[in-house]
Amino acid sequence: MTAEQIAQVQAYLKKRLGTEKLTISPRKVADSVEVYLDDEILGILYIDDEDKDDISYDLNISILQQDLDEM
């Protein structure tokens, strides 16, 4: 993902989720980034740009049972 794409997606997610505590960090692989909330990884965001005219993003969030049990 380009720096411009990362900035656009980050701004969208901050607005949509109603928090300024969300950040996005590049990964070593170019097709995805890490999404953080309060310095804790929230998930991995993938870009689907196979069709240059129809780009989409997919946010995968994993929730561990252990985290649910601690609530």
N, C-alpha and C. Protein backbone atom coordinates (compact mmCIF):
# COMPACT_ATOMS: atom_id res chain seq x y z
N MET A 1 0.84 -1.18 0.00
CA MET A 1 0.00 0.00 0.00
C MET A 1 0.89 1.24 0.00
N THR A 2 0.43 2.25 -0.69
CA THR A 2 1.19 3.50 -0.73
C THR A 2 0.92 4.32 0.53
N ALA A 3 1.78 5.27 0.78
CA ALA A 3 1.59 6.16 1.94
C ALA A 3 0.27 6.91 1.82
N GLU A 4 -0.12 7.30 0.61
CA GLU A 4 -1.38 8.01 0.40
C GLU A 4 -2.58 7.11 0.72
N GLN A 5 -2.53 5.86 0.28
CA GLN A 5 -3.61 4.92 0.58
C GLN A 5 -3.73 4.69 2.08
N ILE A 6 -2.59 4.52 2.74
CA ILE A 6 -2.59 4.30 4.19
C ILE A 6 -3.23 5.50 4.89
N ALA A 7 -2.85 6.71 4.50
CA ALA A 7 -3.41 7.91 5.12
C ALA A 7 -4.92 8.01 4.90
N GLN A 8 -5.37 7.69 3.69
CA GLN A 8 -6.81 7.74 3.39
C GLN A 8 -7.59 6.73 4.21
N VAL A 9 -7.10 5.50 4.27
CA VAL A 9 -7.79 4.46 5.02
C VAL A 9 -7.77 4.77 6.52
N GLN A 10 -6.65 5.27 7.01
CA GLN A 10 -6.55 5.61 8.43
C GLN A 10 -7.55 6.71 8.79
N ALA A 11 -7.64 7.75 7.97
CA ALA A 11 -8.59 8.83 8.22
C ALA A 11 -10.02 8.31 8.19
N TYR A 12 -10.32 7.44 7.24
CA TYR A 12 -11.66 6.85 7.15
C TYR A 12 -12.00 6.05 8.40
N LEU A 13 -11.09 5.17 8.81
CA LEU A 13 -11.35 4.33 9.98
C LEU A 13 -11.48 5.15 11.26
N LYS A 14 -10.66 6.18 11.42
CA LYS A 14 -10.76 7.05 12.60
C LYS A 14 -12.14 7.69 12.66
N LYS A 15 -12.60 8.20 11.52
CA LYS A 15 -13.91 8.85 11.48
C LYS A 15 -15.03 7.83 11.69
N ARG A 16 -14.94 6.72 10.99
CA ARG A 16 -16.00 5.69 11.04
C ARG A 16 -16.11 5.05 12.42
N LEU A 17 -14.97 4.81 13.06
CA LEU A 17 -14.96 4.17 14.37
C LEU A 17 -15.01 5.18 15.52
N GLY A 18 -14.90 6.46 15.20
CA GLY A 18 -15.04 7.50 16.20
C GLY A 18 -13.90 7.57 17.20
N THR A 19 -12.67 7.35 16.72
CA THR A 19 -11.52 7.41 17.63
C THR A 19 -10.29 7.94 16.91
N GLU A 20 -9.53 8.74 17.61
CA GLU A 20 -8.25 9.23 17.09
C GLU A 20 -7.11 8.31 17.52
N LYS A 21 -7.41 7.29 18.30
CA LYS A 21 -6.38 6.40 18.85
C LYS A 21 -6.01 5.27 17.90
N LEU A 22 -6.51 5.32 16.68
CA LEU A 22 -6.24 4.29 15.69
C LEU A 22 -5.06 4.70 14.83
N THR A 23 -4.12 3.79 14.62
CA THR A 23 -2.98 4.05 13.75
C THR A 23 -2.77 2.85 12.82
N ILE A 24 -2.15 3.12 11.71
CA ILE A 24 -1.84 2.08 10.73
C ILE A 24 -0.34 2.08 10.47
N SER A 25 0.26 0.90 10.50
CA SER A 25 1.70 0.75 10.28
C SER A 25 1.95 -0.21 9.12
N PRO A 26 2.86 0.17 8.23
CA PRO A 26 3.21 -0.72 7.11
C PRO A 26 3.83 -2.02 7.61
N ARG A 27 3.70 -3.04 6.81
CA ARG A 27 4.34 -4.33 7.06
C ARG A 27 5.41 -4.55 6.00
N LYS A 28 6.15 -5.63 6.13
CA LYS A 28 7.18 -5.96 5.13
C LYS A 28 6.56 -6.36 3.81
N VAL A 29 5.35 -6.90 3.83
CA VAL A 29 4.66 -7.25 2.59
C VAL A 29 3.84 -6.05 2.13
N ALA A 30 3.81 -5.84 0.83
CA ALA A 30 3.22 -4.61 0.28
C ALA A 30 1.70 -4.63 0.22
N ASP A 31 1.08 -5.82 0.37
CA ASP A 31 -0.37 -5.89 0.19
C ASP A 31 -1.16 -5.72 1.48
N SER A 32 -0.49 -5.39 2.59
CA SER A 32 -1.22 -5.27 3.85
C SER A 32 -0.50 -4.36 4.83
N VAL A 33 -1.27 -3.92 5.84
CA VAL A 33 -0.75 -3.08 6.91
C VAL A 33 -1.34 -3.57 8.23
N GLU A 34 -0.73 -3.16 9.33
CA GLU A 34 -1.25 -3.50 10.65
C GLU A 34 -2.06 -2.33 11.19
N VAL A 35 -3.21 -2.63 11.76
CA VAL A 35 -4.07 -1.61 12.33
C VAL A 35 -4.00 -1.73 13.85
N TYR A 36 -3.69 -0.61 14.51
CA TYR A 36 -3.54 -0.57 15.96
C TYR A 36 -4.58 0.33 16.59
N LEU A 37 -5.01 -0.04 17.78
CA LEU A 37 -5.89 0.79 18.61
C LEU A 37 -5.26 0.86 19.99
N ASP A 38 -4.91 2.06 20.41
CA ASP A 38 -4.23 2.23 21.70
C ASP A 38 -2.96 1.39 21.80
N ASP A 39 -2.15 1.38 20.77
CA ASP A 39 -0.88 0.64 20.73
C ASP A 39 -1.03 -0.87 20.82
N GLU A 40 -2.24 -1.39 20.64
CA GLU A 40 -2.47 -2.83 20.61
C GLU A 40 -2.99 -3.19 19.23
N ILE A 41 -2.42 -4.24 18.65
CA ILE A 41 -2.84 -4.61 17.29
C ILE A 41 -4.31 -5.00 17.29
N LEU A 42 -5.04 -4.39 16.37
CA LEU A 42 -6.46 -4.67 16.21
C LEU A 42 -6.68 -5.69 15.10
N GLY A 43 -5.89 -5.57 14.03
CA GLY A 43 -6.05 -6.49 12.92
C GLY A 43 -5.11 -6.16 11.78
N ILE A 44 -5.30 -6.90 10.69
CA ILE A 44 -4.51 -6.71 9.48
C ILE A 44 -5.47 -6.25 8.38
N LEU A 45 -5.06 -5.20 7.67
CA LEU A 45 -5.86 -4.66 6.59
C LEU A 45 -5.17 -4.98 5.27
N TYR A 46 -5.89 -5.64 4.38
CA TYR A 46 -5.36 -6.05 3.08
C TYR A 46 -5.96 -5.18 1.98
N ILE A 47 -5.18 -4.93 0.95
CA ILE A 47 -5.68 -4.21 -0.22
C ILE A 47 -5.89 -5.21 -1.35
N ASP A 48 -7.00 -5.06 -2.05
CA ASP A 48 -7.27 -5.85 -3.24
C ASP A 48 -7.26 -4.87 -4.41
N ASP A 49 -6.13 -4.81 -5.09
CA ASP A 49 -5.99 -3.87 -6.20
C ASP A 49 -5.71 -4.59 -7.52
N GLU A 50 -6.18 -5.83 -7.59
CA GLU A 50 -5.99 -6.60 -8.81
C GLU A 50 -6.63 -5.89 -10.01
N ASP A 51 -7.83 -5.36 -9.79
CA ASP A 51 -8.52 -4.57 -10.80
C ASP A 51 -8.30 -3.10 -10.43
N LYS A 52 -7.41 -2.42 -11.12
CA LYS A 52 -7.00 -1.05 -10.76
C LYS A 52 -8.17 -0.07 -10.69
N ASP A 53 -9.27 -0.38 -11.37
CA ASP A 53 -10.43 0.51 -11.34
C ASP A 53 -11.38 0.22 -10.18
N ASP A 54 -11.13 -0.87 -9.47
CA ASP A 54 -12.04 -1.28 -8.40
C ASP A 54 -11.23 -1.75 -7.20
N ILE A 55 -10.60 -0.82 -6.48
CA ILE A 55 -9.77 -1.15 -5.32
C ILE A 55 -10.65 -1.30 -4.09
N SER A 56 -10.37 -2.32 -3.29
CA SER A 56 -11.10 -2.50 -2.04
C SER A 56 -10.12 -2.89 -0.93
N TYR A 57 -10.57 -2.75 0.30
CA TYR A 57 -9.74 -3.05 1.47
C TYR A 57 -10.50 -4.01 2.36
N ASP A 58 -9.79 -4.93 2.97
CA ASP A 58 -10.40 -5.96 3.81
C ASP A 58 -9.70 -5.94 5.17
N LEU A 59 -10.45 -5.62 6.22
CA LEU A 59 -9.89 -5.57 7.57
C LEU A 59 -10.23 -6.87 8.29
N ASN A 60 -9.19 -7.64 8.66
CA ASN A 60 -9.36 -8.89 9.39
C ASN A 60 -9.01 -8.66 10.85
N ILE A 61 -9.98 -8.94 11.72
CA ILE A 61 -9.78 -8.78 13.16
C ILE A 61 -9.92 -10.15 13.81
N SER A 62 -8.91 -10.55 14.56
CA SER A 62 -8.96 -11.81 15.29
C SER A 62 -9.25 -11.51 16.76
N ILE A 63 -10.18 -12.25 17.33
CA ILE A 63 -10.51 -12.09 18.74
C ILE A 63 -10.21 -13.42 19.43
N LEU A 64 -9.33 -13.39 20.40
CA LEU A 64 -8.97 -14.59 21.13
C LEU A 64 -9.97 -14.88 22.23
N GLN A 65 -10.29 -16.14 22.44
CA GLN A 65 -11.19 -16.51 23.52
C GLN A 65 -10.65 -16.03 24.86
N GLN A 66 -9.34 -16.08 25.01
CA GLN A 66 -8.67 -15.62 26.23
C GLN A 66 -9.03 -14.16 26.54
N ASP A 67 -9.06 -13.34 25.51
CA ASP A 67 -9.43 -11.93 25.70
C ASP A 67 -10.88 -11.78 26.14
N LEU A 68 -11.76 -12.61 25.59
CA LEU A 68 -13.16 -12.57 26.00
C LEU A 68 -13.35 -13.03 27.43
N ASP A 69 -12.56 -14.02 27.84
CA ASP A 69 -12.67 -14.54 29.19
C ASP A 69 -12.21 -13.52 30.22
N GLU A 70 -11.33 -12.60 29.84
CA GLU A 70 -10.80 -11.61 30.77
C GLU A 70 -11.76 -10.44 30.98
N MET A 71 -12.82 -10.37 30.22
CA MET A 71 -13.76 -9.26 30.35
C MET A 71 -14.66 -9.41 31.55
